[in-house]
C-alpha atoms as a PDB file:
ATOM      1  CA  MET A   1      12.744  10.354   6.639  1.00  0.00           C
ATOM      2  CA  GLY A   2       9.531   8.271   8.050  1.00  0.00           C
ATOM      3  CA  THR A   3       8.024   5.310   8.175  1.00  0.00           C
ATOM      4  CA  SER A   4       7.329   3.872   4.958  1.00  0.00           C
ATOM      5  CA  ALA A   5       4.873   0.705   3.886  1.00  0.00           C
ATOM      6  CA  VAL A   6       4.528  -1.321   1.182  1.00  0.00           C
ATOM      7  CA  ILE A   7       1.477  -3.717  -0.809  1.00  0.00           C
ATOM      8  CA  LEU A   8       2.540  -7.309  -1.086  1.00  0.00           C
ATOM      9  CA  THR A   9       1.839  -9.173  -3.931  1.00  0.00           C
ATOM     10  CA  LEU A  10       2.489 -12.528  -5.787  1.00  0.00           C
ATOM     11  CA  LYS A  11       5.365 -11.969  -8.367  1.00  0.00           C
ATOM     12  CA  GLU A  12       4.125 -13.737 -10.948  1.00  0.00           C
ATOM     13  CA  GLU A  13       0.564 -11.620 -10.818  1.00  0.00           C
ATOM     14  CA  TYR A  14       2.349  -8.102 -11.100  1.00  0.00           C
ATOM     15  CA  SER A  15       1.790  -5.624 -13.400  1.00  0.00           C
ATOM     16  CA  PRO A  16       2.464  -1.757 -12.780  1.00  0.00           C
ATOM     17  CA  GLU A  17      -0.783  -1.322 -14.938  1.00  0.00           C
ATOM     18  CA  LYS A  18      -2.755  -3.476 -12.844  1.00  0.00           C
ATOM     19  CA  LEU A  19      -1.818  -1.424  -9.551  1.00  0.00           C
ATOM     20  CA  LEU A  20      -2.231   1.413 -11.294  1.00  0.00           C
ATOM     21  CA  SER A  21      -5.882   0.272 -12.379  1.00  0.00           C
ATOM     22  CA  ASP A  22      -6.688  -1.164  -8.704  1.00  0.00           C
ATOM     23  CA  THR A  23      -4.909   2.032  -7.250  1.00  0.00           C
ATOM     24  CA  ILE A  24      -7.919   4.189  -9.041  1.00  0.00           C
ATOM     25  CA  VAL A  25     -10.757   1.799  -7.876  1.00  0.00           C
ATOM     26  CA  SER A  26      -9.680   1.591  -4.340  1.00  0.00           C
ATOM     27  CA  VAL A  27      -9.583   5.586  -4.161  1.00  0.00           C
ATOM     28  CA  PHE A  28     -12.778   5.914  -5.573  1.00  0.00           C
ATOM     29  CA  HIS A  29     -14.407   3.588  -3.175  1.00  0.00           C
ATOM     30  CA  ALA A  30     -11.909   5.206  -0.267  1.00  0.00           C
ATOM     31  CA  ASN A  31     -13.923   8.445  -0.809  1.00  0.00           C
ATOM     32  CA  ALA A  32     -10.216   9.841  -1.622  1.00  0.00           C
ATOM     33  CA  THR A  33      -8.418  12.098  -4.420  1.00  0.00           C
ATOM     34  CA  LEU A  34      -6.004  10.659  -7.003  1.00  0.00           C
ATOM     35  CA  TYR A  35      -3.523  12.896  -8.827  1.00  0.00           C
ATOM     36  CA  PHE A  36      -1.522  11.290 -11.575  1.00  0.00           C
ATOM     37  CA  HIS A  37       0.495  13.289 -13.831  1.00  0.00           C
ATOM     38  CA  ASN A  38       1.599  10.314 -15.950  1.00  0.00           C
ATOM     39  CA  ASN A  39       5.182  11.340 -15.229  1.00  0.00           C
ATOM     40  CA  LYS A  40       7.109   8.629 -15.413  1.00  0.00           C
ATOM     41  CA  ASN A  41      10.758   7.988 -14.916  1.00  0.00           C
ATOM     42  CA  TYR A  42      13.170   5.842 -16.873  1.00  0.00           C
ATOM     43  CA  SER A  43      16.595   4.070 -16.783  1.00  0.00           C
ATOM     44  CA  ASP A  44      19.852   5.189 -17.992  1.00  0.00           C
ATOM     45  CA  ASN A  45      18.571   2.413 -21.112  1.00  0.00           C
ATOM     46  CA  GLY A  46      15.547   4.028 -21.424  1.00  0.00           C
ATOM     47  CA  GLU A  47      13.127   1.457 -19.655  1.00  0.00           C
ATOM     48  CA  PHE A  48      10.266   2.062 -17.892  1.00  0.00           C
ATOM     49  CA  SER A  49      11.485   2.740 -13.642  1.00  0.00           C
ATOM     50  CA  TYR A  50       8.321   4.199 -11.995  1.00  0.00           C
ATOM     51  CA  THR A  51       5.582   6.543 -11.642  1.00  0.00           C
ATOM     52  CA  THR A  52       4.168   8.297  -8.754  1.00  0.00           C
ATOM     53  CA  LEU A  53       0.485   9.156  -7.423  1.00  0.00           C
ATOM     54  CA  ASN A  54      -0.607  11.493  -4.889  1.00  0.00           C
ATOM     55  CA  ILE A  55      -3.500  10.186  -2.809  1.00  0.00           C
ATOM     56  CA  ASN A  56      -5.429  13.283  -0.652  1.00  0.00           C
ATOM     57  CA  ASN A  57      -8.250  12.992   1.898  1.00  0.00           C
ATOM     58  CA  ASN A  58      -9.858  15.964  -0.044  1.00  0.00           C
ATOM     59  CA  SER A  59     -10.231  17.463  -3.777  1.00  0.00           C
ATOM     60  CA  PHE A  60      -7.489  19.546  -4.489  1.00  0.00           C
ATOM     61  CA  ALA A  61      -9.399  23.042  -4.777  1.00  0.00           C
ATOM     62  CA  GLU A  62     -10.224  22.445  -0.837  1.00  0.00           C
ATOM     63  CA  LYS A  63      -7.774  22.270   2.203  1.00  0.00           C
ATOM     64  CA  SER A  64      -5.963  18.594   1.822  1.00  0.00           C
ATOM     65  CA  GLU A  65      -5.270  17.662   5.516  1.00  0.00           C
ATOM     66  CA  GLN A  66      -3.809  14.059   4.431  1.00  0.00           C
ATOM     67  CA  SER A  67      -1.704  13.314   1.550  1.00  0.00           C
ATOM     68  CA  PHE A  68       0.898  10.408   0.488  1.00  0.00           C
ATOM     69  CA  ILE A  69       2.926   9.360  -2.159  1.00  0.00           C
ATOM     70  CA  PHE A  70       2.490   6.311  -4.090  1.00  0.00           C
ATOM     71  CA  SER A  71       4.919   4.423  -5.997  1.00  0.00           C
ATOM     72  CA  VAL A  72       4.448   2.157  -9.034  1.00  0.00           C
ATOM     73  CA  HIS A  73       8.177   0.438  -9.853  1.00  0.00           C
ATOM     74  CA  ALA A  74       8.472  -1.857 -13.360  1.00  0.00           C
ATOM     75  CA  ILE A  75       8.207  -5.179 -12.671  1.00  0.00           C
ATOM     76  CA  ASN A  76      12.260  -5.597 -13.147  1.00  0.00           C
ATOM     77  CA  SER A  77      13.097  -3.268 -10.815  1.00  0.00           C
ATOM     78  CA  PRO A  78      15.118  -3.840  -7.564  1.00  0.00           C
ATOM     79  CA  SER A  79      13.033  -1.833  -5.592  1.00  0.00           C
ATOM     80  CA  ILE A  80      10.283  -4.392  -5.567  1.00  0.00           C
ATOM     81  CA  ASP A  81      12.618  -6.905  -4.368  1.00  0.00           C
ATOM     82  CA  PHE A  82      11.383  -8.842  -1.043  1.00  0.00           C
ATOM     83  CA  TYR A  83      13.282 -10.942   1.001  1.00  0.00           C
ATOM     84  CA  TYR A  84      11.657 -10.847   4.716  1.00  0.00           C
ATOM     85  CA  HIS A  85       8.981 -14.118   4.412  1.00  0.00           C
ATOM     86  CA  GLU A  86      10.912 -15.615   8.118  1.00  0.00           C
ATOM     87  CA  ASP A  87      10.747 -12.103   9.544  1.00  0.00           C
ATOM     88  CA  LEU A  88       6.958 -11.436   8.804  1.00  0.00           C
ATOM     89  CA  LYS A  89       6.131 -15.264   9.252  1.00  0.00           C
ATOM     90  CA  LEU A  90       5.242 -15.727   5.593  1.00  0.00           C
ATOM     91  CA  ASP A  91       5.587 -19.186   3.605  1.00  0.00           C
ATOM     92  CA  SER A  92       8.203 -18.733   2.204  1.00  0.00           C
ATOM     93  CA  ASN A  93       7.518 -20.723  -0.547  1.00  0.00           C
ATOM     94  CA  LEU A  94       5.386 -17.549  -2.068  1.00  0.00           C
ATOM     95  CA  SER A  95       7.261 -15.662  -4.200  1.00  0.00           C
ATOM     96  CA  LEU A  96       5.936 -12.042  -3.360  1.00  0.00           C
ATOM     97  CA  CYS A  97       7.370  -8.656  -4.408  1.00  0.00           C
ATOM     98  CA  GLN A  98       7.236  -5.205  -2.654  1.00  0.00           C
ATOM     99  CA  VAL A  99       4.425  -2.579  -4.757  1.00  0.00           C
ATOM    100  CA  GLY A 100       2.707   0.569  -4.172  1.00  0.00           C
ATOM    101  CA  HIS A 101       5.597   1.808  -2.053  1.00  0.00           C
ATOM    102  CA  ILE A 102       4.119   4.921   0.559  1.00  0.00           C
ATOM    103  CA  GLU A 103       7.076   7.197   1.191  1.00  0.00           C
ATOM    104  CA  ASP A 104       5.578   8.191   4.998  1.00  0.00           C
ATOM    105  CA  ILE A 105       2.728   6.892   7.037  1.00  0.00           C
ATOM    106  CA  TYR A 106       2.904   9.658   9.543  1.00  0.00           C
ATOM    107  CA  GLY A 107       0.231  11.480   9.854  1.00  0.00           C
ATOM    108  CA  VAL A 108      -1.613  10.284   7.006  1.00  0.00           C
ATOM    109  CA  GLN A 109      -3.032   6.674   8.622  1.00  0.00           C
ATOM    110  CA  LYS A 110      -6.768   7.382   8.326  1.00  0.00           C
ATOM    111  CA  LEU A 111      -6.227   8.109   4.641  1.00  0.00           C
ATOM    112  CA  ILE A 112      -3.831   4.699   4.529  1.00  0.00           C
ATOM    113  CA  PHE A 113      -6.467   2.751   6.405  1.00  0.00           C
ATOM    114  CA  ASN A 114      -9.422   3.551   3.959  1.00  0.00           C
ATOM    115  CA  PHE A 115      -7.407   2.991   1.046  1.00  0.00           C
ATOM    116  CA  ILE A 116      -5.687  -0.526   2.045  1.00  0.00           C
ATOM    117  CA  TYR A 117      -9.272  -1.692   2.845  1.00  0.00           C
ATOM    118  CA  GLU A 118     -10.039  -1.352  -0.780  1.00  0.00           C
ATOM    119  CA  TYR A 119      -6.894  -2.419  -2.175  1.00  0.00           C
ATOM    120  CA  LEU A 120      -7.395  -5.797  -0.157  1.00  0.00           C
ATOM    121  CA  ARG A 121     -10.672  -5.937  -0.869  1.00  0.00           C
ATOM    122  CA  LEU A 122      -9.947  -6.361  -4.491  1.00  0.00           C
ATOM    123  CA  ASN A 123      -6.610  -8.258  -4.186  1.00  0.00           C
ATOM    124  CA  PRO A 124      -7.401 -10.050  -0.817  1.00  0.00           C
ATOM    125  CA  ASP A 125      -4.540 -12.381  -1.618  1.00  0.00           C
ATOM    126  CA  ASN A 126      -2.092  -9.304  -1.344  1.00  0.00           C
ATOM    127  CA  TYR A 127      -0.617  -7.799   2.526  1.00  0.00           C
ATOM    128  CA  PHE A 128      -0.086  -4.551   3.503  1.00  0.00           C
ATOM    129  CA  TRP A 129       3.684  -4.271   5.833  1.00  0.00           C
ATOM    130  CA  VAL A 130       5.002  -0.964   7.865  1.00  0.00           C
ATOM    131  CA  THR A 131       8.339  -1.990   6.876  1.00  0.00           C
ATOM    132  CA  ASP A 132       9.453  -0.747  10.811  1.00  0.00           C
ATOM    133  CA  TYR A 133       7.469  -3.581  11.999  1.00  0.00           C
ATOM    134  CA  ASP A 134       7.607  -7.739  11.985  1.00  0.00           C
ATOM    135  CA  TRP A 135       3.914  -8.257  11.013  1.00  0.00           C
ATOM    136  CA  VAL A 136       1.517  -7.734   7.751  1.00  0.00           C
ATOM    137  CA  TYR A 137      -1.765  -6.478   7.496  1.00  0.00           C
ATOM    138  CA  SER A 138      -4.289  -9.254   5.345  1.00  0.00           C
ATOM    139  CA  TRP A 139      -7.863  -8.785   4.007  1.00  0.00           C
ATOM    140  CA  GLY A 140      -8.890 -10.532   7.341  1.00  0.00           C
ATOM    141  CA  ASP A 141      -7.338  -8.422   9.705  1.00  0.00           C
ATOM    142  CA  MET A 142      -8.302  -4.913   7.629  1.00  0.00           C
ATOM    143  CA  LYS A 143     -11.908  -6.468   8.074  1.00  0.00           C
ATOM    144  CA  LYS A 144     -11.677  -7.237  11.307  1.00  0.00           C
ATOM    145  CA  MET A 145     -10.278  -3.725  12.058  1.00  0.00           C
ATOM    146  CA  LYS A 146     -12.808  -2.076   9.768  1.00  0.00           C
ATOM    147  CA  SER A 147     -15.543  -3.774  12.485  1.00  0.00           C
ATOM    148  CA  LEU A 148     -14.230  -1.678  15.646  1.00  0.00           C
ATOM    149  CA  PRO A 149     -13.811   2.050  16.489  1.00  0.00           C
ATOM    150  CA  TYR A 150     -11.112   3.700  14.307  1.00  0.00           C
ATOM    151  CA  ASP A 151      -7.891   3.287  16.316  1.00  0.00           C
ATOM    152  CA  PRO A 152      -4.894   5.995  14.394  1.00  0.00           C
ATOM    153  CA  ASP A 153      -2.450   3.789  15.657  1.00  0.00           C
ATOM    154  CA  TRP A 154      -3.917   1.062  13.815  1.00  0.00           C
ATOM    155  CA  CYS A 155      -0.718   0.638  12.096  1.00  0.00           C
ATOM    156  CA  TYR A 156       1.339   0.333  14.987  1.00  0.00           C
ATOM    157  CA  ILE A 157      -0.380  -2.550  16.444  1.00  0.00           C
ATOM    158  CA  ASP A 158       0.109  -6.094  15.297  1.00  0.00           C
ATOM    159  CA  PRO A 159      -2.864  -7.705  13.893  1.00  0.00           C
ATOM    160  CA  ARG A 160      -2.736 -10.318  16.043  1.00  0.00           C
ATOM    161  CA  LEU A 161      -3.169  -8.959  19.053  1.00  0.00           C
ATOM    162  CA  ILE A 162      -6.706  -7.258  18.331  1.00  0.00           C
ATOM    163  CA  ASP A 163      -9.258  -9.163  19.176  1.00  0.00           C
ATOM    164  CA  LEU A 164     -13.110  -8.695  18.014  1.00  0.00           C
ATOM    165  CA  PRO A 165     -15.744  -8.160  21.401  1.00  0.00           C
END
């Protein structure tokens, strides 16, 4: 299994429906393609658990060079619990949850960059976290990186170390 990533958002503001809606708009503005089959998964007691989307850099009729799976979990899913405030130097008073799980970022960095840029533009109080690292990307970080030439290793670089020329 590769390196995963998630979006961090305020727990009281999270809903799967809003995440789905914002994902559609973000994919649209990132000039990517979204495949959503509406295949919902349920818990043993019949409650919605999660669904997945496939985000691609090309249409499905074309050969897709980049693609990733994006999971949307239920509000009560233990998968969205977040406990790493101190590790990531985030305010521990923020009640955050981890949503929009990306299974593997390797090889799809440019597609993720374009998607996350658009997602954080819609949700500037959210963060993007590559789970193997001790930092997050804010909307300000993404704007700063967008103003520079694209670096395929962007998601492996601490945004606090990126200087504008």
